[in-house]
Structure formats: C-alpha cells, structure tokens
Amino acid sequence: PDPVAEPLYTSTMLSVPVLTGAGFAVLTPSLPRDRSSTETTEGLADQVLAVVDAAAPQCECDPQRLILWGHSFGGLAVMAIATQTDRFLAIIASNGLYDLISGWGEFAPLGQRVLPENGLTIRSRAGWVETGQGGMGAPPWRDPDRYVRNSPLFKADRVTTPVLLISSDLDYISPGQAEEMFSALYRLNKDSVLLTYYGEGHIFASAANIRDLMQTSLDWLKAVLAS
C-alpha cells in the first residue's frame, strides 16, 4: 500500500486526508517505471487512466469528473499527462520541472545564486535529468529532440485542461520552471494560474503557507469544477 494514502501520513504538499475531507475520492496510482527507457513521459496518460478505469467500478465516484495533482516529479508527470489527454477537468502541478533542457543546467537558488560558497550543483542537476528520474540518458546537445519530446513546455499547445501551477522561491527546482510553463499557457490563452510562495523550499514548512496552499487549491478546484 502507498504510504501517502495512510490516514496518519503527513504531507505538507499533497494531503489525502484533506482531499477526502473535502469530499473527493482519492486514488494514488503506482506506476512501475522501466529504468532503461529514455522516454520518461511517454504513455503516462494511458497508464494513469487504465488505473482510474479499473478502480472506478469499486468506488462511489464519477470517472468523468477527474482531477490530477502531482508534486515534484509528479508535477512533471501531471503536466505531461495534460498534453496527452483531455479527460481531466483540472490539474494541479507543484514544484515540478517542465523544461528538461533549462532544468539540466539551472543553478539551485540557495546554491550559486545566494550562497555560492556552498559549491556547484551542476552534477546533481545534470545527474537527475540524465540518469535520475529525468531519465534522458544524455546531455541536451547529444539528443535535443528527446528533451523536447519529454518536456511539457514544448507541448503546451496541446493542453486543454485548466492548470494551477505552484512554486516556491527557495526550492532547488527553480521557480523559473513554473514561470516558463505559465508563460507558455498564458501566451496560448489557456486557463492557468501561477501561485508562488516565498521563503519556502521544495517541501513547505510554514503552517500558514500550508493552510493557504490547501485552501487556495480547494477553492480553485471548486470554481473550476463548477464551471
């Protein structure tokens, strides 16, 4: 069982108890990944929707009223899914990386930008994109088309679902990632909102910000689902 779905699991970014308390049925799919593949986002929508369709008959929920919420790598995943299907009515993506090319070489805000004496993060960033969850298997100049294929930014014109993007200024994933994605959606006149928190890292710590994040997200979902 996914520990995130346990009743006493504490998450400051995506809370199953908060969502179920607000009346949502919550499904947390487990998607085993082929680590040898260098097409990280390929087929994600089909995989998730297969889980949704298998689970729907077992719960009292409407499989046509779906939302998708992902954090970190999940943020990348849900935005990729938004470019592959229109079955979801709303998508929330927090602290994700949407442009693998710029994400490969960006400095972490608390690294070189604020405290350069902490040393370079180039190897950790490039490592994540090439051989970590990013799974590109090579630097951008070796296979730029692969980076484009797996970066939601370059498929922003395919997004038809309302999107709430969440970022924070002290995250090791630059808030510029969410800004790039939002700018593309804005340029395309898509329904999108960018919500940025200051003084927070990859996982929020301030109780006030956590409450605001949850309440703002629920209010946004309520408005989108009512439209």
Protein backbone atom coordinates (compact mmCIF):
# COMPACT_ATOMS: atom_id res chain seq x y z
CA PRO A 1 0.00 0.00 0.00
CA ASP A 2 1.14 3.51 -0.80
CA PRO A 3 2.16 5.17 2.50
CA VAL A 4 0.85 8.50 1.15
CA ALA A 5 -2.67 7.08 1.35
CA GLU A 6 -2.40 6.07 5.01
CA PRO A 7 -4.74 8.11 7.27
CA LEU A 8 -1.96 9.38 9.53
CA TYR A 9 0.51 10.19 6.73
CA THR A 10 1.65 13.80 6.96
CA SER A 11 2.39 15.70 3.76
CA THR A 12 2.63 19.45 3.54
CA MET A 13 2.23 19.47 -0.25
CA LEU A 14 -0.50 16.96 -1.08
CA SER A 15 -2.73 15.61 1.65
CA VAL A 16 -5.07 12.67 1.08
CA PRO A 17 -6.95 13.36 4.37
CA VAL A 18 -7.55 16.99 3.37
CA LEU A 19 -8.86 15.97 -0.04
CA THR A 20 -11.11 13.21 1.29
CA GLY A 21 -12.32 15.59 4.00
CA ALA A 22 -13.33 17.98 1.23
CA GLY A 23 -15.40 15.26 -0.42
CA PHE A 24 -13.01 13.89 -3.03
CA ALA A 25 -12.37 10.21 -3.66
CA VAL A 26 -8.57 9.87 -3.90
CA LEU A 27 -6.67 7.34 -5.99
CA THR A 28 -2.86 7.15 -5.72
CA PRO A 29 -1.67 5.03 -8.66
CA SER A 30 1.59 3.13 -8.51
CA LEU A 31 3.29 3.10 -11.90
CA PRO A 32 6.38 0.87 -12.12
CA ARG A 33 8.87 2.54 -14.47
CA ASP A 34 11.27 0.99 -16.94
CA ARG A 35 14.60 2.47 -15.83
CA SER A 36 16.15 1.56 -19.17
CA SER A 37 13.72 3.80 -21.05
CA THR A 38 14.79 7.30 -22.04
CA GLU A 39 11.24 8.39 -22.87
CA THR A 40 10.22 9.44 -19.37
CA THR A 41 6.78 10.85 -20.12
CA GLU A 42 5.71 8.57 -22.96
CA GLY A 43 2.32 6.95 -22.39
CA LEU A 44 1.79 8.36 -18.89
CA ALA A 45 -1.83 9.34 -19.57
CA ASP A 46 -2.74 5.86 -20.80
CA GLN A 47 -1.11 4.27 -17.74
CA VAL A 48 -2.90 6.51 -15.25
CA LEU A 49 -6.28 6.28 -16.99
CA ALA A 50 -6.01 2.48 -17.07
CA VAL A 51 -5.71 2.56 -13.27
CA VAL A 52 -8.61 5.03 -13.00
CA ASP A 53 -10.90 2.93 -15.20
CA ALA A 54 -10.03 -0.25 -13.28
CA ALA A 55 -10.72 1.38 -9.91
CA ALA A 56 -13.86 3.35 -10.82
CA PRO A 57 -16.33 0.44 -10.52
CA GLN A 58 -15.07 -0.21 -6.98
CA CYS A 59 -15.88 3.23 -5.59
CA GLU A 60 -18.79 5.63 -5.42
CA CYS A 61 -17.27 8.22 -7.73
CA ASP A 62 -17.78 9.70 -11.17
CA PRO A 63 -14.97 8.63 -13.56
CA GLN A 64 -15.87 11.59 -15.77
CA ARG A 65 -15.11 14.16 -13.05
CA LEU A 66 -11.38 13.64 -12.67
CA ILE A 67 -8.67 15.92 -11.31
CA LEU A 68 -4.95 15.27 -11.22
CA TRP A 69 -2.49 16.56 -8.59
CA GLY A 70 1.24 15.94 -8.61
CA HIS A 71 4.26 17.28 -6.73
CA SER A 72 7.95 17.34 -7.75
CA PHE A 73 8.45 14.57 -10.35
CA GLY A 74 4.69 14.21 -10.06
CA GLY A 75 4.40 17.83 -11.19
CA LEU A 76 6.30 16.96 -14.37
CA ALA A 77 4.17 13.84 -14.78
CA VAL A 78 0.78 15.54 -14.46
CA MET A 79 1.76 18.32 -16.88
CA ALA A 80 2.93 15.69 -19.36
CA ILE A 81 -0.41 13.92 -18.92
CA ALA A 82 -2.18 17.23 -19.59
CA THR A 83 -0.55 17.25 -23.04
CA GLN A 84 -1.72 13.67 -23.75
CA THR A 85 -5.41 13.64 -22.77
CA ASP A 86 -8.40 15.89 -22.12
CA ARG A 87 -10.15 13.55 -19.69
CA PHE A 88 -9.15 15.51 -16.60
CA LEU A 89 -11.20 18.54 -15.59
CA ALA A 90 -8.41 20.19 -13.56
CA ILE A 91 -4.71 19.72 -12.97
CA ILE A 92 -2.55 20.94 -10.07
CA ALA A 93 1.23 20.74 -10.52
CA SER A 94 3.53 21.83 -7.69
CA ASN A 95 7.30 22.32 -7.72
CA GLY A 96 7.79 20.40 -10.93
CA LEU A 97 10.32 20.58 -13.74
CA TYR A 98 8.64 21.26 -17.08
CA ASP A 99 11.57 22.12 -19.34
CA LEU A 100 14.24 19.44 -19.09
CA ILE A 101 16.68 21.49 -21.15
CA SER A 102 16.80 24.52 -18.85
CA GLY A 103 16.34 22.26 -15.84
CA TRP A 104 19.53 20.41 -16.78
CA GLY A 105 21.73 23.46 -16.18
CA GLU A 106 19.87 25.81 -13.84
CA PHE A 107 21.56 26.65 -10.55
CA ALA A 108 19.67 25.93 -7.35
CA PRO A 109 18.51 29.25 -5.78
CA LEU A 110 20.20 28.54 -2.44
CA GLY A 111 23.32 27.26 -4.15
CA GLN A 112 25.16 29.51 -6.54
CA ARG A 113 22.60 32.30 -6.61
CA VAL A 114 22.52 33.14 -2.91
CA LEU A 115 25.34 31.17 -1.29
CA PRO A 116 27.97 30.44 -3.97
CA GLU A 117 30.34 29.21 -1.27
CA ASN A 118 28.13 26.12 -0.98
CA GLY A 119 29.62 24.92 -4.26
CA LEU A 120 28.21 23.97 -7.63
CA THR A 121 25.10 21.84 -8.08
CA ILE A 122 25.77 21.20 -11.76
CA ARG A 123 26.48 17.49 -11.33
CA SER A 124 23.42 16.89 -9.17
CA ARG A 125 21.11 18.75 -11.58
CA ALA A 126 22.57 17.16 -14.71
CA GLY A 127 22.63 13.79 -12.95
CA TRP A 128 18.93 13.99 -12.05
CA VAL A 129 17.96 14.82 -15.62
CA GLU A 130 20.29 12.35 -17.33
CA THR A 131 20.35 9.29 -15.07
CA GLY A 132 17.88 10.07 -12.27
CA GLN A 133 14.11 10.48 -12.51
CA GLY A 134 14.51 12.67 -15.58
CA GLY A 135 15.82 9.63 -17.43
CA MET A 136 17.14 11.40 -20.54
CA GLY A 137 20.29 9.27 -20.66
CA ALA A 138 22.39 12.00 -22.28
CA PRO A 139 23.06 15.76 -22.09
CA PRO A 140 20.83 18.10 -24.14
CA TRP A 141 23.28 18.57 -27.03
CA ARG A 142 23.52 14.82 -27.59
CA ASP A 143 19.78 14.34 -28.14
CA PRO A 144 17.84 17.64 -28.03
CA ASP A 145 14.76 16.08 -29.64
CA ARG A 146 14.44 13.63 -26.74
CA TYR A 147 14.46 16.53 -24.29
CA VAL A 148 11.78 18.32 -26.29
CA ARG A 149 9.59 15.20 -26.55
CA ASN A 150 9.60 14.71 -22.78
CA SER A 151 9.25 18.35 -21.69
CA PRO A 152 5.64 19.54 -21.25
CA LEU A 153 6.69 23.10 -22.07
CA PHE A 154 7.22 22.20 -25.72
CA LYS A 155 3.75 20.68 -25.97
CA ALA A 156 1.89 23.47 -24.17
CA ASP A 157 -0.37 23.96 -27.18
CA ARG A 158 -1.89 20.52 -26.52
CA VAL A 159 -3.10 21.42 -23.01
CA THR A 160 -6.88 21.87 -22.84
CA THR A 161 -7.34 21.41 -19.08
CA PRO A 162 -7.33 24.27 -16.53
CA VAL A 163 -3.97 24.24 -14.70
CA LEU A 164 -2.87 25.52 -11.29
CA LEU A 165 0.93 25.79 -11.10
CA ILE A 166 2.56 26.10 -7.66
CA SER A 167 6.20 27.02 -6.97
CA SER A 168 8.44 28.42 -4.24
CA ASP A 169 11.47 30.69 -4.40
CA LEU A 170 13.87 28.62 -2.25
CA ASP A 171 13.20 25.31 -3.97
CA TYR A 172 16.16 23.55 -5.58
CA ILE A 173 13.89 23.38 -8.63
CA SER A 174 13.89 26.97 -9.84
CA PRO A 175 10.53 28.79 -9.77
CA GLY A 176 11.50 29.72 -13.31
CA GLN A 177 10.25 26.28 -14.34
CA ALA A 178 6.68 27.12 -13.32
CA GLU A 179 7.09 30.60 -14.79
CA GLU A 180 8.11 29.13 -18.15
CA MET A 181 5.13 26.80 -18.16
CA PHE A 182 2.73 29.53 -17.11
CA SER A 183 4.11 31.93 -19.72
CA ALA A 184 3.51 29.35 -22.45
CA LEU A 185 -0.06 28.70 -21.30
CA TYR A 186 -0.70 32.44 -20.96
CA ARG A 187 0.68 33.07 -24.45
CA LEU A 188 -1.70 30.39 -25.77
CA ASN A 189 -4.65 31.91 -23.86
CA LYS A 190 -5.07 28.73 -21.80
CA ASP A 191 -6.87 28.65 -18.44
CA SER A 192 -3.97 28.74 -15.96
CA VAL A 193 -2.97 30.18 -12.59
CA LEU A 194 0.54 30.60 -11.14
CA LEU A 195 0.83 30.55 -7.35
CA THR A 196 4.27 31.35 -5.89
CA TYR A 197 5.26 31.11 -2.21
CA TYR A 198 8.27 32.96 -0.84
CA GLY A 199 10.54 31.63 1.88
CA GLU A 200 9.64 28.01 1.13
CA GLY A 201 11.72 25.17 -0.27
CA HIS A 202 10.70 22.01 -2.12
CA ILE A 203 8.53 20.95 0.83
CA PHE A 204 6.68 23.73 2.61
CA ALA A 205 7.38 24.31 6.31
CA SER A 206 5.27 27.32 7.32
CA ALA A 207 1.93 26.29 8.83
CA ALA A 208 0.33 29.45 7.45
CA ASN A 209 1.59 28.73 3.93
CA ILE A 210 0.49 25.10 4.12
CA ARG A 211 -3.01 26.12 5.16
CA ASP A 212 -3.10 28.74 2.41
CA LEU A 213 -1.85 26.23 -0.17
CA MET A 214 -4.57 23.72 0.68
CA GLN A 215 -7.37 26.28 0.94
CA THR A 216 -6.39 28.10 -2.26
CA SER A 217 -6.13 24.80 -4.14
CA LEU A 218 -9.53 23.60 -2.89
CA ASP A 219 -11.16 26.95 -3.72
CA TRP A 220 -9.65 26.82 -7.21
CA LEU A 221 -10.86 23.25 -7.73
CA LYS A 222 -14.34 24.18 -6.56
CA ALA A 223 -14.51 27.07 -9.03
CA VAL A 224 -13.18 25.02 -11.95
CA LEU A 225 -15.45 22.04 -11.29
CA ALA A 226 -18.46 24.34 -11.03
CA SER A 227 -17.82 25.97 -14.39
